[in-house]
Protein backbone atom coordinates (compact mmCIF):
# COMPACT_ATOMS: atom_id res chain seq x y z
CA UNK A 1 -23.56 76.48 -90.89
CA UNK A 2 -24.97 79.58 -92.51
CA UNK A 3 -28.67 79.82 -93.16
CA UNK A 4 -29.92 79.48 -96.72
CA UNK A 5 -32.22 82.39 -97.49
CA UNK A 6 -34.78 81.80 -100.22
CA UNK A 7 -36.37 84.67 -102.14
CA UNK A 8 -38.37 83.28 -105.01
CA UNK A 9 -39.10 80.03 -106.70
CA UNK A 10 -37.95 80.49 -110.29
CA UNK A 11 -39.31 77.23 -111.60
CA UNK A 12 -42.21 75.12 -110.31
CA UNK A 13 -41.67 71.98 -108.31
CA UNK A 14 -40.27 69.03 -110.21
CA UNK A 15 -40.52 65.36 -109.42
CA UNK A 16 -37.33 64.21 -107.70
CA UNK A 17 -36.22 60.59 -107.76
CA UNK A 18 -39.44 59.38 -109.36
CA UNK A 19 -40.18 58.70 -113.03
CA UNK A 20 -43.96 58.76 -112.82
CA UNK A 21 -46.51 61.51 -112.34
CA UNK A 22 -48.14 59.27 -109.76
CA UNK A 23 -45.81 60.42 -107.01
CA UNK A 24 -46.74 64.09 -107.09
CA UNK A 25 -48.53 65.09 -103.93
CA UNK A 26 -49.84 68.08 -102.03
CA UNK A 27 -48.16 69.71 -99.22
CA UNK A 28 -46.34 72.28 -97.23
CA UNK A 29 -48.45 74.07 -94.76
CA UNK A 30 -45.92 76.64 -93.60
CA UNK A 31 -42.75 78.38 -94.63
CA UNK A 32 -39.65 78.21 -92.43
CA UNK A 33 -39.37 80.94 -89.81
CA UNK A 34 -37.40 83.96 -91.05
CA UNK A 35 -35.89 82.17 -94.03
CA UNK A 36 -38.42 81.96 -96.84
CA UNK A 37 -40.39 84.70 -98.51
CA UNK A 38 -41.81 82.45 -101.20
CA UNK A 39 -42.83 78.88 -100.49
CA UNK A 40 -40.27 76.30 -101.47
CA UNK A 41 -41.50 73.35 -103.47
CA UNK A 42 -40.11 69.87 -103.72
CA UNK A 43 -41.00 66.25 -104.23
CA UNK A 44 -39.18 63.22 -103.00
CA UNK A 45 -39.77 59.48 -103.08
CA UNK A 46 -37.90 56.24 -102.69
CA UNK A 47 -38.81 52.87 -104.16
CA UNK A 48 -42.44 53.88 -104.71
CA UNK A 49 -43.05 53.86 -100.97
CA UNK A 50 -44.57 56.42 -98.65
CA UNK A 51 -42.03 59.20 -99.01
CA UNK A 52 -43.48 61.65 -101.51
CA UNK A 53 -43.42 65.25 -100.33
CA UNK A 54 -44.57 68.40 -102.02
CA UNK A 55 -43.41 71.48 -100.18
CA UNK A 56 -45.41 74.53 -101.11
CA UNK A 57 -48.42 74.96 -103.30
CA UNK A 58 -47.16 75.11 -106.88
CA UNK A 59 -47.66 72.83 -109.82
CA UNK A 60 -45.10 70.28 -111.00
CA UNK A 61 -44.10 69.56 -114.57
CA UNK A 62 -42.74 66.15 -113.55
CA UNK A 63 -39.37 66.86 -115.14
CA UNK A 64 -36.94 65.80 -112.43
CA UNK A 65 -35.16 68.27 -110.18
CA UNK A 66 -36.09 71.87 -109.54
CA UNK A 67 -34.32 75.21 -109.36
CA UNK A 68 -34.73 77.95 -106.80
CA UNK A 69 -33.06 81.27 -106.15
CA UNK A 70 -31.63 82.33 -102.83
CA UNK A 71 -29.58 85.20 -101.45
CA UNK A 72 -26.51 85.15 -99.30
CA UNK A 73 -25.73 88.66 -98.19
CA UNK A 74 -26.31 90.81 -101.28
CA UNK A 75 -25.55 88.06 -103.81
CA UNK A 76 -28.37 86.17 -105.53
CA UNK A 77 -27.78 82.71 -106.90
CA UNK A 78 -29.81 79.78 -108.11
CA UNK A 79 -29.27 76.11 -107.39
CA UNK A 80 -30.75 72.83 -108.53
CA UNK A 81 -32.13 70.78 -105.67
CA UNK A 82 -31.61 67.04 -106.02
CA UNK A 83 -32.89 64.15 -103.88
CA UNK A 84 -29.64 63.76 -101.97
CA UNK A 85 -30.03 67.32 -100.64
CA UNK A 86 -33.35 66.53 -98.96
CA UNK A 87 -33.45 64.89 -95.55
CA UNK A 88 -36.62 63.96 -93.71
CA UNK A 89 -36.87 63.77 -89.93
CA UNK A 90 -38.79 60.52 -90.42
CA UNK A 91 -40.02 58.49 -93.37
CA UNK A 92 -43.55 58.01 -92.07
CA UNK A 93 -46.55 59.84 -93.53
CA UNK A 94 -47.98 62.99 -91.98
CA UNK A 95 -46.70 66.47 -91.14
CA UNK A 96 -42.91 66.32 -90.98
CA UNK A 97 -39.78 68.43 -91.27
CA UNK A 98 -37.58 68.41 -94.37
CA UNK A 99 -34.06 69.85 -94.37
CA UNK A 100 -32.43 70.96 -97.63
CA UNK A 101 -28.63 71.28 -97.62
CA UNK A 102 -26.43 72.83 -100.31
CA UNK A 103 -22.72 73.59 -99.91
CA UNK A 104 -23.05 73.64 -96.12
CA UNK A 105 -26.04 75.98 -96.32
CA UNK A 106 -29.25 74.61 -94.83
CA UNK A 107 -32.90 75.48 -94.45
CA UNK A 108 -35.71 73.63 -92.75
CA UNK A 109 -39.20 73.48 -94.25
CA UNK A 110 -42.48 72.02 -93.10
CA UNK A 111 -43.68 69.23 -95.33
CA UNK A 112 -46.59 66.87 -95.65
CA UNK A 113 -45.48 63.35 -96.49
CA UNK A 114 -48.20 61.64 -98.47
CA UNK A 115 -49.27 58.04 -98.78
CA UNK A 116 -47.93 56.27 -101.87
CA UNK A 117 -50.31 56.71 -104.78
CA UNK A 118 -50.31 52.98 -105.57
CA UNK A 119 -52.52 52.47 -102.49
CA UNK A 120 -55.43 54.22 -104.21
CA UNK A 121 -57.81 53.26 -106.99
CA UNK A 122 -58.87 56.32 -108.96
CA UNK A 123 -61.27 57.35 -111.67
CA UNK A 124 -60.52 60.80 -113.02
CA UNK A 125 -60.44 63.19 -110.08
CA UNK A 126 -62.07 60.68 -107.70
CA UNK A 127 -60.51 58.19 -105.31
CA UNK A 128 -62.80 55.19 -105.54
CA UNK A 129 -60.97 52.94 -103.08
CA UNK A 130 -58.07 53.00 -100.64
CA UNK A 131 -56.50 49.54 -100.50
CA UNK A 132 -53.88 50.07 -97.82
CA UNK A 133 -53.67 49.20 -94.15
CA UNK A 134 -51.82 52.23 -92.76
CA UNK A 135 -53.01 53.88 -89.56
CA UNK A 136 -52.26 57.34 -90.96
CA UNK A 137 -53.28 58.21 -94.51
CA UNK A 138 -52.41 61.46 -96.30
CA UNK A 139 -54.34 61.71 -99.56
CA UNK A 140 -52.15 63.01 -102.43
CA UNK A 141 -53.23 66.10 -104.32
CA UNK A 142 -52.31 64.49 -107.65
CA UNK A 143 -52.53 60.91 -108.85
CA UNK A 144 -51.65 60.03 -112.43
CA UNK A 145 -51.56 63.69 -113.36
CA UNK A 146 -55.16 64.28 -112.16
CA UNK A 147 -55.97 66.74 -109.39
CA UNK A 148 -57.81 64.70 -106.75
CA UNK A 149 -60.87 66.55 -105.45
CA UNK A 150 -63.42 63.84 -104.63
CA UNK A 151 -63.68 60.83 -102.33
CA UNK A 152 -65.96 58.15 -103.76
CA UNK A 153 -68.80 56.69 -101.73
CA UNK A 154 -66.78 53.68 -100.59
CA UNK A 155 -63.28 55.14 -100.66
CA UNK A 156 -62.52 54.13 -97.06
CA UNK A 157 -65.66 52.11 -96.39
CA UNK A 158 -65.33 49.71 -93.44
CA UNK A 159 -61.56 50.13 -93.21
CA UNK A 160 -60.51 48.86 -89.77
CA UNK A 161 -56.90 50.08 -89.98
CA UNK A 162 -57.06 53.83 -90.45
CA UNK A 163 -56.86 56.09 -87.40
CA UNK A 164 -56.06 59.43 -89.01
CA UNK A 165 -56.83 60.77 -92.49
CA UNK A 166 -55.61 64.09 -93.93
CA UNK A 167 -57.23 64.98 -97.25
CA UNK A 168 -56.58 68.66 -97.83
CA UNK A 169 -57.37 68.76 -101.55
CA UNK A 170 -60.78 67.07 -101.27
CA UNK A 171 -63.82 69.22 -101.98
CA UNK A 172 -66.57 66.58 -102.22
CA UNK A 173 -67.40 63.45 -100.27
CA UNK A 174 -69.89 61.58 -102.43
CA UNK A 175 -73.29 60.55 -101.09
CA UNK A 176 -73.38 57.07 -99.65
CA UNK A 177 -75.38 54.33 -101.34
CA UNK A 178 -78.36 52.38 -100.00
CA UNK A 179 -78.45 49.29 -102.20
CA UNK A 180 -77.45 46.49 -102.35
CA UNK A 181 -75.24 47.32 -99.32
CA UNK A 182 -75.33 50.52 -97.31
CA UNK A 183 -72.02 52.34 -97.77
CA UNK A 184 -70.41 55.75 -97.29
CA UNK A 185 -66.97 57.31 -97.69
CA UNK A 186 -65.85 56.50 -94.11
CA UNK A 187 -68.85 54.38 -93.13
CA UNK A 188 -68.02 52.01 -90.23
CA UNK A 189 -64.34 52.95 -90.01
CA UNK A 190 -64.33 51.67 -86.47
CA UNK A 191 -60.87 52.93 -85.49
CA UNK A 192 -60.89 56.33 -87.21
CA UNK A 193 -60.01 59.00 -84.63
CA UNK A 194 -59.02 62.09 -86.59
CA UNK A 195 -60.18 63.52 -89.90
CA UNK A 196 -58.82 66.65 -91.60
CA UNK A 197 -60.74 67.94 -94.62
CA UNK A 198 -59.58 71.52 -94.90
CA UNK A 199 -61.25 72.27 -98.27
CA UNK A 200 -64.26 69.93 -98.25
CA UNK A 201 -67.54 71.70 -98.93
CA UNK A 202 -69.96 68.83 -99.53
CA UNK A 203 -70.18 66.01 -96.98
CA UNK A 204 -72.44 63.39 -98.53
CA UNK A 205 -74.91 61.19 -96.70
CA UNK A 206 -73.50 58.56 -94.36
CA UNK A 207 -69.96 59.84 -94.99
CA UNK A 208 -68.78 59.29 -91.38
CA UNK A 209 -71.67 57.23 -90.04
CA UNK A 210 -70.71 54.72 -87.33
CA UNK A 211 -67.19 56.10 -86.89
CA UNK A 212 -67.56 55.62 -83.17
CA UNK A 213 -64.00 56.55 -82.19
CA UNK A 214 -63.90 59.75 -84.22
CA UNK A 215 -62.87 62.51 -81.80
CA UNK A 216 -61.44 65.23 -84.02
CA UNK A 217 -62.92 66.46 -87.28
CA UNK A 218 -61.73 69.57 -89.12
CA UNK A 219 -64.34 70.93 -91.56
CA UNK A 220 -63.58 74.67 -91.93
CA UNK A 221 -65.11 75.00 -95.41
CA UNK A 222 -68.04 72.58 -95.20
CA UNK A 223 -71.37 74.13 -96.18
CA UNK A 224 -73.48 70.97 -96.50
CA UNK A 225 -73.79 67.76 -94.49
CA UNK A 226 -76.07 65.05 -95.85
CA UNK A 227 -78.52 62.65 -94.24
CA UNK A 228 -76.80 60.71 -91.43
CA UNK A 229 -73.58 62.38 -92.56
CA UNK A 230 -71.91 62.26 -89.13
CA UNK A 231 -74.40 60.06 -87.28
CA UNK A 232 -73.48 57.61 -84.50
CA UNK A 233 -70.06 59.21 -83.93
CA UNK A 234 -70.05 58.81 -80.17
CA UNK A 235 -66.45 59.99 -79.78
CA UNK A 236 -67.25 63.54 -80.89
CA UNK A 237 -67.60 66.11 -78.11
CA UNK A 238 -67.19 69.39 -79.96
CA UNK A 239 -67.68 70.36 -83.59
CA UNK A 240 -66.91 73.66 -85.32
CA UNK A 241 -68.86 74.42 -88.50
CA UNK A 242 -67.87 77.96 -89.48
CA UNK A 243 -69.38 77.94 -92.99
CA UNK A 244 -72.23 75.45 -92.72
CA UNK A 245 -75.52 76.45 -94.35
CA UNK A 246 -77.40 73.11 -94.36
CA UNK A 247 -77.33 70.01 -92.15
CA UNK A 248 -79.73 67.41 -93.46
CA UNK A 249 -81.95 64.95 -91.57
CA UNK A 250 -80.19 63.02 -88.77
CA UNK A 251 -76.92 64.76 -89.66
CA UNK A 252 -75.46 64.37 -86.15
CA UNK A 253 -77.98 61.98 -84.63
CA UNK A 254 -76.84 59.58 -81.90
CA UNK A 255 -73.55 61.41 -81.32
CA UNK A 256 -74.08 60.75 -77.64
CA UNK A 257 -71.10 62.72 -76.31
CA UNK A 258 -71.46 65.73 -78.60
CA UNK A 259 -72.56 68.76 -76.62
CA UNK A 260 -70.77 71.82 -78.05
CA UNK A 261 -71.44 73.18 -81.52
CA UNK A 262 -69.80 76.30 -82.93
CA UNK A 263 -71.44 78.24 -85.76
CA UNK A 264 -69.79 81.34 -87.27
CA UNK A 265 -72.12 82.67 -89.96
CA UNK A 266 -74.43 85.58 -89.24
CA UNK A 267 -77.35 83.54 -90.59
CA UNK A 268 -78.20 80.22 -88.88
CA UNK A 269 -77.90 77.04 -90.95
CA UNK A 270 -80.94 75.25 -92.22
CA UNK A 271 -81.42 72.13 -90.09
CA UNK A 272 -83.18 68.99 -91.24
CA UNK A 273 -85.47 66.73 -89.23
CA UNK A 274 -84.00 65.28 -86.02
CA UNK A 275 -80.57 66.68 -86.79
CA UNK A 276 -79.21 66.36 -83.24
CA UNK A 277 -81.58 63.84 -81.66
CA UNK A 278 -81.22 60.70 -79.52
CA UNK A 279 -78.43 62.13 -77.44
CA UNK A 280 -79.98 61.30 -74.06
CA UNK A 281 -82.45 63.00 -71.77
CA UNK A 282 -79.75 64.66 -69.63
CA UNK A 283 -78.07 66.32 -72.59
CA UNK A 284 -77.42 70.05 -72.23
CA UNK A 285 -76.52 71.56 -75.57
CA UNK A 286 -73.99 74.38 -75.68
CA UNK A 287 -74.29 76.31 -78.93
CA UNK A 288 -71.82 79.10 -79.68
CA UNK A 289 -72.70 81.70 -82.33
CA UNK A 290 -71.73 85.28 -83.23
CA UNK A 291 -73.12 87.38 -80.39
CA UNK A 292 -74.73 89.86 -82.80
CA UNK A 293 -76.72 86.98 -84.31
CA UNK A 294 -77.76 85.25 -81.09
CA UNK A 295 -81.41 86.26 -81.28
CA UNK A 296 -81.63 85.15 -84.88
CA UNK A 297 -80.33 81.71 -83.90
CA UNK A 298 -82.79 81.51 -81.00
CA UNK A 299 -85.72 82.30 -83.29
CA UNK A 300 -84.55 79.87 -85.96
CA UNK A 301 -83.79 76.89 -83.73
CA UNK A 302 -86.65 77.64 -81.30
CA UNK A 303 -85.83 74.57 -79.17
CA UNK A 304 -87.59 72.16 -81.47
CA UNK A 305 -87.52 68.69 -79.82
CA UNK A 306 -87.41 67.23 -83.31
CA UNK A 307 -84.03 68.92 -83.72
CA UNK A 308 -82.44 68.91 -80.24
CA UNK A 309 -83.64 66.31 -77.76
CA UNK A 310 -83.13 66.34 -74.00
CA UNK A 311 -85.17 67.56 -71.06
CA UNK A 312 -83.46 70.96 -70.91
CA UNK A 313 -83.38 73.60 -73.64
CA UNK A 314 -80.03 74.26 -75.33
CA UNK A 315 -77.97 77.28 -74.37
CA UNK A 316 -76.80 79.74 -76.96
CA UNK A 317 -73.71 81.64 -75.86
CA UNK A 318 -74.35 80.44 -72.32
CA UNK A 319 -77.98 81.57 -72.11
CA UNK A 320 -80.88 79.12 -72.36
CA UNK A 321 -83.18 79.51 -75.34
C-alpha cells in the first residue's frame, strides 16, 4: 500500500464517535517518521470506555469528524477521517500506535490513549477525585469542555490500584491538607511506580508522600516542591530537577535509596530545612550540576547536615564538597 503523506491540518480535531465534549483528550507526542509535516489530530472512543485519543496538539470543536489535506505525488487532496478509518494497536490506555487508512493509503501516528473522563470528578479546571481502579491512568487534557490544569489535594489520595500516571497537561498539584485527615494528591499511593508530569510547575506539600514504590518521576518543568512533597519515597534512586528553584522543608526526606540528584540551572535552588535528611549514615550523595556553576553550588549547599545527612560529604560532579 502507498504511504499517505500529510501536509497540513486544514481543520482542527473533531470528536469522532462521541457525542459529548467529555471525551476530548490530550495527546500525540510525535509525528510519524517521514510522513507528516504537520501534526495530525484525531479523537476516537467506543461506548464511553477508555479509548479516547487526541493525536496532535490542536483544539477540537466537538463537531464530529475532521478533515485533513495530504499529497500523493504532486496532487493535493483533502479527506474526512471517520472512526472506521482509525485502528489502534491495543485498546488499553497509554502511549500507543494508531493507523489511519483511506482508499488503501495508510499512515501510522503515535497516540496517547486517555482514561475515560467519567472516572474523574472535576471542578472547573481541577480534578478533585479519580474514582477508577486502573493500574495505568492517563489524565485527559479536557473534561466537559474545560482544560484540565490542576490536580486537587486528594485527587489520587490513598489509591491502591494505580501503578503509572501520565498527566501531561497538569501545571499545579495542590498543597495537601492537615486536618481533619492528612492528605495529598498522591499521598499513600502504595503501588504507584511511575509518574509523568511534563508541564507541572508547582508540586504542593505531601503530593507524593509515602509513595514507597515510586521509582520513576518526570518533572522537567517543576520549579517548586512543597513541604514533604516527595518524602518517604524509598523507591527513588535518581531525580532530575532541571528547572527547580525551591525545595521546601523535608522535600525529599526519608527517600532512603535516593543518592543522585541532577540540577541544571546556573543558580542553585533554595533548599528548606532538612530537605534530604534521614537517608542513613552511609549515604554518599552524588549531585550533578552545570560544571561552570559547581563552585556556586558548593558555596550554597556548604554540606549543611541539616540539609544532607550522612557521615561523608556529598560529591558535586564527582568531587567532594
